[in-house]
Structures are given as structure tokens and as C-alpha cells.
Amino acid sequence: MRSAGGDDIARVSVFDVYQGKGIEDGYKSIAMAMYLQGKDQTWVDEEIHAVMDKVMQGLKDIGAQVRDS
């Protein structure tokens, strides 16, 4: 996530890991919170979406299955 989002990501934390019913054997469902912080200004929606798109693509590139929100 950090490599895709760069310095714009202030902090990432995992707040839930689930294995069980509804999750394929050998897989985990991981829920994360990501905190973004602009260095020079308050961001507008387009800037936030651009970082999120990069992060989501980075996760997909390493094989993660990203669930729609």
C-alpha cells in the first residue's frame, strides 16, 4: 500500500482478520484503515480518489482480491 500511495499515506492499520465461512480455504479477509495526509494543503475529492485508485491497483497487482465498497 505504501509503495503505491507513497508519502501521502500517513498510517495503515489492520483492524480485522477473518478466516471461515464464506472465505475460501487458505485465504483470509483482511480489513484495513488507511489514513491519508496532504503535506501542503487540504485535499479535494479528486486527489483522494487518485491515491485510492493507485493503492487499489497496487493491491490487485500483488494478487489481492479487492471487494467493492
PDB file of N, CA and C in Angstrom:
ATOM      1  N   MET A   1       0.819  -1.178   0.000  1.00  0.00           N
ATOM      2  CA  MET A   1       0.000   0.000   0.000  1.00  0.00           C
ATOM      3  C   MET A   1       0.868   1.249   0.000  1.00  0.00           C
ATOM      4  N   ARG A   2       1.905   1.218   0.820  1.00  0.00           N
ATOM      5  CA  ARG A   2       2.772   2.403   0.881  1.00  0.00           C
ATOM      6  C   ARG A   2       3.509   2.633  -0.426  1.00  0.00           C
ATOM      7  N   SER A   3       3.933   1.545  -1.081  1.00  0.00           N
ATOM      8  CA  SER A   3       4.659   1.741  -2.340  1.00  0.00           C
ATOM      9  C   SER A   3       3.744   2.341  -3.409  1.00  0.00           C
ATOM     10  N   ALA A   4       2.470   2.009  -3.371  1.00  0.00           N
ATOM     11  CA  ALA A   4       1.531   2.564  -4.350  1.00  0.00           C
ATOM     12  C   ALA A   4       1.093   3.970  -3.972  1.00  0.00           C
ATOM     13  N   GLY A   5       0.857   4.213  -2.677  1.00  0.00           N
ATOM     14  CA  GLY A   5       0.345   5.507  -2.234  1.00  0.00           C
ATOM     15  C   GLY A   5       1.414   6.519  -1.899  1.00  0.00           C
ATOM     16  N   GLY A   6       2.632   6.038  -1.682  1.00  0.00           N
ATOM     17  CA  GLY A   6       3.750   6.934  -1.410  1.00  0.00           C
ATOM     18  C   GLY A   6       3.634   7.689  -0.093  1.00  0.00           C
ATOM     19  N   ASP A   7       4.215   8.867  -0.073  1.00  0.00           N
ATOM     20  CA  ASP A   7       4.266   9.685   1.131  1.00  0.00           C
ATOM     21  C   ASP A   7       2.910  10.233   1.547  1.00  0.00           C
ATOM     22  N   ASP A   8       1.906  10.065   0.690  1.00  0.00           N
ATOM     23  CA  ASP A   8       0.574  10.553   1.015  1.00  0.00           C
ATOM     24  C   ASP A   8      -0.113   9.695   2.064  1.00  0.00           C
ATOM     25  N   ILE A   9       0.394   8.484   2.297  1.00  0.00           N
ATOM     26  CA  ILE A   9      -0.185   7.607   3.305  1.00  0.00           C
ATOM     27  C   ILE A   9       0.533   7.856   4.627  1.00  0.00           C
ATOM     28  N   ALA A  10      -0.217   8.357   5.589  1.00  0.00           N
ATOM     29  CA  ALA A  10       0.358   8.667   6.898  1.00  0.00           C
ATOM     30  C   ALA A  10       0.416   7.427   7.780  1.00  0.00           C
ATOM     31  N   ARG A  11      -0.602   6.553   7.666  1.00  0.00           N
ATOM     32  CA  ARG A  11      -0.661   5.383   8.546  1.00  0.00           C
ATOM     33  C   ARG A  11      -1.599   4.351   7.948  1.00  0.00           C
ATOM     34  N   VAL A  12      -1.259   3.072   8.156  1.00  0.00           N
ATOM     35  CA  VAL A  12      -2.114   1.959   7.756  1.00  0.00           C
ATOM     36  C   VAL A  12      -2.250   1.045   8.968  1.00  0.00           C
ATOM     37  N   SER A  13      -3.463   0.607   9.248  1.00  0.00           N
ATOM     38  CA  SER A  13      -3.653  -0.337  10.342  1.00  0.00           C
ATOM     39  C   SER A  13      -4.649  -1.413   9.944  1.00  0.00           C
ATOM     40  N   VAL A  14      -4.369  -2.635  10.373  1.00  0.00           N
ATOM     41  CA  VAL A  14      -5.275  -3.759  10.162  1.00  0.00           C
ATOM     42  C   VAL A  14      -6.191  -3.816  11.377  1.00  0.00           C
ATOM     43  N   PHE A  15      -7.512  -3.822  11.135  1.00  0.00           N
ATOM     44  CA  PHE A  15      -8.416  -3.874  12.278  1.00  0.00           C
ATOM     45  C   PHE A  15      -9.271  -5.136  12.328  1.00  0.00           C
ATOM     46  N   ASP A  16      -9.156  -6.013  11.308  1.00  0.00           N
ATOM     47  CA  ASP A  16      -9.883  -7.275  11.370  1.00  0.00           C
ATOM     48  C   ASP A  16      -9.266  -8.265  10.401  1.00  0.00           C
ATOM     49  N   VAL A  17      -9.119  -9.508  10.855  1.00  0.00           N
ATOM     50  CA  VAL A  17      -8.689 -10.619  10.000  1.00  0.00           C
ATOM     51  C   VAL A  17      -9.678 -11.749  10.233  1.00  0.00           C
ATOM     52  N   TYR A  18     -10.242 -12.271   9.150  1.00  0.00           N
ATOM     53  CA  TYR A  18     -11.262 -13.315   9.261  1.00  0.00           C
ATOM     54  C   TYR A  18     -10.930 -14.468   8.343  1.00  0.00           C
ATOM     55  N   GLN A  19     -11.054 -15.682   8.871  1.00  0.00           N
ATOM     56  CA  GLN A  19     -10.996 -16.915   8.096  1.00  0.00           C
ATOM     57  C   GLN A  19     -12.185 -17.738   8.534  1.00  0.00           C
ATOM     58  N   GLY A  20     -12.887 -18.311   7.615  1.00  0.00           N
ATOM     59  CA  GLY A  20     -14.035 -19.125   7.989  1.00  0.00           C
ATOM     60  C   GLY A  20     -15.083 -19.134   6.898  1.00  0.00           C
ATOM     61  N   LYS A  21     -16.333 -19.300   7.327  1.00  0.00           N
ATOM     62  CA  LYS A  21     -17.456 -19.414   6.405  1.00  0.00           C
ATOM     63  C   LYS A  21     -17.487 -18.221   5.444  1.00  0.00           C
ATOM     64  N   GLY A  22     -17.589 -18.551   4.163  1.00  0.00           N
ATOM     65  CA  GLY A  22     -17.651 -17.512   3.139  1.00  0.00           C
ATOM     66  C   GLY A  22     -16.294 -17.123   2.571  1.00  0.00           C
ATOM     67  N   ILE A  23     -15.211 -17.604   3.188  1.00  0.00           N
ATOM     68  CA  ILE A  23     -13.849 -17.315   2.707  1.00  0.00           C
ATOM     69  C   ILE A  23     -13.225 -18.636   2.267  1.00  0.00           C
ATOM     70  N   GLU A  24     -12.714 -18.672   1.064  1.00  0.00           N
ATOM     71  CA  GLU A  24     -12.114 -19.879   0.510  1.00  0.00           C
ATOM     72  C   GLU A  24     -10.969 -20.375   1.388  1.00  0.00           C
ATOM     73  N   ASP A  25     -10.833 -21.711   1.507  1.00  0.00           N
ATOM     74  CA  ASP A  25      -9.751 -22.300   2.304  1.00  0.00           C
ATOM     75  C   ASP A  25      -8.403 -21.749   1.875  1.00  0.00           C
ATOM     76  N   GLY A  26      -7.579 -21.414   2.838  1.00  0.00           N
ATOM     77  CA  GLY A  26      -6.252 -20.890   2.563  1.00  0.00           C
ATOM     78  C   GLY A  26      -6.222 -19.381   2.354  1.00  0.00           C
ATOM     79  N   TYR A  27      -7.368 -18.739   2.432  1.00  0.00           N
ATOM     80  CA  TYR A  27      -7.456 -17.293   2.234  1.00  0.00           C
ATOM     81  C   TYR A  27      -7.922 -16.611   3.518  1.00  0.00           C
ATOM     82  N   LYS A  28      -7.690 -15.338   3.598  1.00  0.00           N
ATOM     83  CA  LYS A  28      -8.123 -14.514   4.724  1.00  0.00           C
ATOM     84  C   LYS A  28      -8.797 -13.268   4.188  1.00  0.00           C
ATOM     85  N   SER A  29      -9.728 -12.777   4.955  1.00  0.00           N
ATOM     86  CA  SER A  29     -10.320 -11.474   4.680  1.00  0.00           C
ATOM     87  C   SER A  29      -9.663 -10.495   5.647  1.00  0.00           C
ATOM     88  N   ILE A  30      -9.044  -9.470   5.114  1.00  0.00           N
ATOM     89  CA  ILE A  30      -8.318  -8.505   5.941  1.00  0.00           C
ATOM     90  C   ILE A  30      -8.926  -7.129   5.730  1.00  0.00           C
ATOM     91  N   ALA A  31      -9.342  -6.509   6.838  1.00  0.00           N
ATOM     92  CA  ALA A  31      -9.902  -5.155   6.776  1.00  0.00           C
ATOM     93  C   ALA A  31      -8.846  -4.180   7.296  1.00  0.00           C
ATOM     94  N   MET A  32      -8.635  -3.114   6.539  1.00  0.00           N
ATOM     95  CA  MET A  32      -7.596  -2.149   6.881  1.00  0.00           C
ATOM     96  C   MET A  32      -8.148  -0.730   6.866  1.00  0.00           C
ATOM     97  N   ALA A  33      -7.549   0.101   7.678  1.00  0.00           N
ATOM     98  CA  ALA A  33      -7.829   1.538   7.647  1.00  0.00           C
ATOM     99  C   ALA A  33      -6.573   2.226   7.140  1.00  0.00           C
ATOM    100  N   MET A  34      -6.764   3.179   6.270  1.00  0.00           N
ATOM    101  CA  MET A  34      -5.634   3.903   5.711  1.00  0.00           C
ATOM    102  C   MET A  34      -5.886   5.395   5.921  1.00  0.00           C
ATOM    103  N   TYR A  35      -4.903   6.057   6.473  1.00  0.00           N
ATOM    104  CA  TYR A  35      -5.011   7.481   6.774  1.00  0.00           C
ATOM    105  C   TYR A  35      -4.128   8.259   5.807  1.00  0.00           C
ATOM    106  N   LEU A  36      -4.741   9.159   5.073  1.00  0.00           N
ATOM    107  CA  LEU A  36      -4.028   9.982   4.098  1.00  0.00           C
ATOM    108  C   LEU A  36      -3.788  11.361   4.689  1.00  0.00           C
ATOM    109  N   GLN A  37      -2.655  11.934   4.310  1.00  0.00           N
ATOM    110  CA  GLN A  37      -2.340  13.268   4.816  1.00  0.00           C
ATOM    111  C   GLN A  37      -1.578  14.048   3.762  1.00  0.00           C
ATOM    112  N   GLY A  38      -2.175  15.135   3.316  1.00  0.00           N
ATOM    113  CA  GLY A  38      -1.504  16.013   2.373  1.00  0.00           C
ATOM    114  C   GLY A  38      -0.473  16.855   3.104  1.00  0.00           C
ATOM    115  N   LYS A  39       0.608  17.137   2.448  1.00  0.00           N
ATOM    116  CA  LYS A  39       1.697  17.892   3.089  1.00  0.00           C
ATOM    117  C   LYS A  39       1.474  19.403   3.057  1.00  0.00           C
ATOM    118  N   ASP A  40       0.840  19.892   1.990  1.00  0.00           N
ATOM    119  CA  ASP A  40       0.777  21.335   1.786  1.00  0.00           C
ATOM    120  C   ASP A  40      -0.622  21.944   1.877  1.00  0.00           C
ATOM    121  N   GLN A  41      -1.644  21.105   1.781  1.00  0.00           N
ATOM    122  CA  GLN A  41      -2.992  21.662   1.689  1.00  0.00           C
ATOM    123  C   GLN A  41      -4.013  20.605   2.067  1.00  0.00           C
ATOM    124  N   THR A  42      -5.242  21.027   2.258  1.00  0.00           N
ATOM    125  CA  THR A  42      -6.348  20.098   2.409  1.00  0.00           C
ATOM    126  C   THR A  42      -6.709  19.590   1.028  1.00  0.00           C
ATOM    127  N   TRP A  43      -6.918  18.281   0.920  1.00  0.00           N
ATOM    128  CA  TRP A  43      -7.173  17.683  -0.375  1.00  0.00           C
ATOM    129  C   TRP A  43      -8.629  17.819  -0.800  1.00  0.00           C
ATOM    130  N   VAL A  44      -8.824  17.812  -2.104  1.00  0.00           N
ATOM    131  CA  VAL A  44     -10.160  17.730  -2.670  1.00  0.00           C
ATOM    132  C   VAL A  44     -10.421  16.261  -3.026  1.00  0.00           C
ATOM    133  N   ASP A  45     -11.679  15.932  -3.265  1.00  0.00           N
ATOM    134  CA  ASP A  45     -12.061  14.542  -3.529  1.00  0.00           C
ATOM    135  C   ASP A  45     -11.247  13.894  -4.637  1.00  0.00           C
ATOM    136  N   GLU A  46     -10.980  14.631  -5.706  1.00  0.00           N
ATOM    137  CA  GLU A  46     -10.258  14.066  -6.843  1.00  0.00           C
ATOM    138  C   GLU A  46      -8.855  13.596  -6.446  1.00  0.00           C
ATOM    139  N   GLU A  47      -8.202  14.327  -5.561  1.00  0.00           N
ATOM    140  CA  GLU A  47      -6.865  13.944  -5.110  1.00  0.00           C
ATOM    141  C   GLU A  47      -6.919  12.676  -4.256  1.00  0.00           C
ATOM    142  N   ILE A  48      -7.919  12.596  -3.402  1.00  0.00           N
ATOM    143  CA  ILE A  48      -8.092  11.404  -2.562  1.00  0.00           C
ATOM    144  C   ILE A  48      -8.378  10.193  -3.437  1.00  0.00           C
ATOM    145  N   HIS A  49      -9.274  10.342  -4.389  1.00  0.00           N
ATOM    146  CA  HIS A  49      -9.618   9.226  -5.279  1.00  0.00           C
ATOM    147  C   HIS A  49      -8.413   8.772  -6.095  1.00  0.00           C
ATOM    148  N   ALA A  50      -7.557   9.686  -6.504  1.00  0.00           N
ATOM    149  CA  ALA A  50      -6.368   9.315  -7.280  1.00  0.00           C
ATOM    150  C   ALA A  50      -5.435   8.435  -6.454  1.00  0.00           C
ATOM    151  N   VAL A  51      -5.214   8.784  -5.199  1.00  0.00           N
ATOM    152  CA  VAL A  51      -4.359   7.966  -4.328  1.00  0.00           C
ATOM    153  C   VAL A  51      -5.023   6.614  -4.084  1.00  0.00           C
ATOM    154  N   MET A  52      -6.313   6.614  -3.783  1.00  0.00           N
ATOM    155  CA  MET A  52      -7.026   5.361  -3.528  1.00  0.00           C
ATOM    156  C   MET A  52      -6.983   4.441  -4.748  1.00  0.00           C
ATOM    157  N   ASP A  53      -7.135   4.995  -5.937  1.00  0.00           N
ATOM    158  CA  ASP A  53      -7.062   4.182  -7.156  1.00  0.00           C
ATOM    159  C   ASP A  53      -5.690   3.531  -7.296  1.00  0.00           C
ATOM    160  N   LYS A  54      -4.631   4.273  -7.004  1.00  0.00           N
ATOM    161  CA  LYS A  54      -3.268   3.710  -7.069  1.00  0.00           C
ATOM    162  C   LYS A  54      -3.103   2.580  -6.060  1.00  0.00           C
ATOM    163  N   VAL A  55      -3.583   2.784  -4.849  1.00  0.00           N
ATOM    164  CA  VAL A  55      -3.464   1.771  -3.799  1.00  0.00           C
ATOM    165  C   VAL A  55      -4.257   0.523  -4.187  1.00  0.00           C
ATOM    166  N   MET A  56      -5.484   0.699  -4.638  1.00  0.00           N
ATOM    167  CA  MET A  56      -6.314  -0.446  -5.024  1.00  0.00           C
ATOM    168  C   MET A  56      -5.662  -1.231  -6.164  1.00  0.00           C
ATOM    169  N   GLN A  57      -5.101  -0.526  -7.147  1.00  0.00           N
ATOM    170  CA  GLN A  57      -4.426  -1.216  -8.245  1.00  0.00           C
ATOM    171  C   GLN A  57      -3.182  -1.944  -7.736  1.00  0.00           C
ATOM    172  N   GLY A  58      -2.447  -1.328  -6.820  1.00  0.00           N
ATOM    173  CA  GLY A  58      -1.276  -1.978  -6.234  1.00  0.00           C
ATOM    174  C   GLY A  58      -1.633  -3.261  -5.512  1.00  0.00           C
ATOM    175  N   LEU A  59      -2.746  -3.258  -4.790  1.00  0.00           N
ATOM    176  CA  LEU A  59      -3.201  -4.469  -4.107  1.00  0.00           C
ATOM    177  C   LEU A  59      -3.580  -5.550  -5.115  1.00  0.00           C
ATOM    178  N   LYS A  60      -4.271  -5.171  -6.168  1.00  0.00           N
ATOM    179  CA  LYS A  60      -4.638  -6.132  -7.207  1.00  0.00           C
ATOM    180  C   LYS A  60      -3.395  -6.697  -7.889  1.00  0.00           C
ATOM    181  N   ASP A  61      -2.386  -5.857  -8.084  1.00  0.00           N
ATOM    182  CA  ASP A  61      -1.147  -6.289  -8.743  1.00  0.00           C
ATOM    183  C   ASP A  61      -0.414  -7.366  -7.958  1.00  0.00           C
ATOM    184  N   ILE A  62      -0.594  -7.398  -6.640  1.00  0.00           N
ATOM    185  CA  ILE A  62       0.073  -8.432  -5.836  1.00  0.00           C
ATOM    186  C   ILE A  62      -0.846  -9.623  -5.569  1.00  0.00           C
ATOM    187  N   GLY A  63      -2.007  -9.644  -6.239  1.00  0.00           N
ATOM    188  CA  GLY A  63      -2.885 -10.796  -6.143  1.00  0.00           C
ATOM    189  C   GLY A  63      -4.033 -10.684  -5.161  1.00  0.00           C
ATOM    190  N   ALA A  64      -4.190  -9.542  -4.539  1.00  0.00           N
ATOM    191  CA  ALA A  64      -5.307  -9.375  -3.605  1.00  0.00           C
ATOM    192  C   ALA A  64      -6.611  -9.270  -4.388  1.00  0.00           C
ATOM    193  N   GLN A  65      -7.640  -9.847  -3.818  1.00  0.00           N
ATOM    194  CA  GLN A  65      -8.978  -9.692  -4.374  1.00  0.00           C
ATOM    195  C   GLN A  65      -9.635  -8.582  -3.592  1.00  0.00           C
ATOM    196  N   VAL A  66      -9.871  -7.468  -4.232  1.00  0.00           N
ATOM    197  CA  VAL A  66     -10.415  -6.289  -3.563  1.00  0.00           C
ATOM    198  C   VAL A  66     -11.926  -6.306  -3.720  1.00  0.00           C
ATOM    199  N   ARG A  67     -12.609  -6.275  -2.584  1.00  0.00           N
ATOM    200  CA  ARG A  67     -14.072  -6.268  -2.595  1.00  0.00           C
ATOM    201  C   ARG A  67     -14.568  -4.856  -2.850  1.00  0.00           C
ATOM    202  N   ASP A  68     -15.628  -4.736  -3.615  1.00  0.00           N
ATOM    203  CA  ASP A  68     -16.233  -3.424  -3.856  1.00  0.00           C
ATOM    204  C   ASP A  68     -16.770  -2.869  -2.557  1.00  0.00           C
ATOM    205  N   SER A  69     -16.658  -1.550  -2.394  1.00  0.00           N
ATOM    206  CA  SER A  69     -17.172  -0.933  -1.173  1.00  0.00           C
ATOM    207  C   SER A  69     -18.575  -0.431  -1.368  1.00  0.00           C
TER     208      SER A  69
END
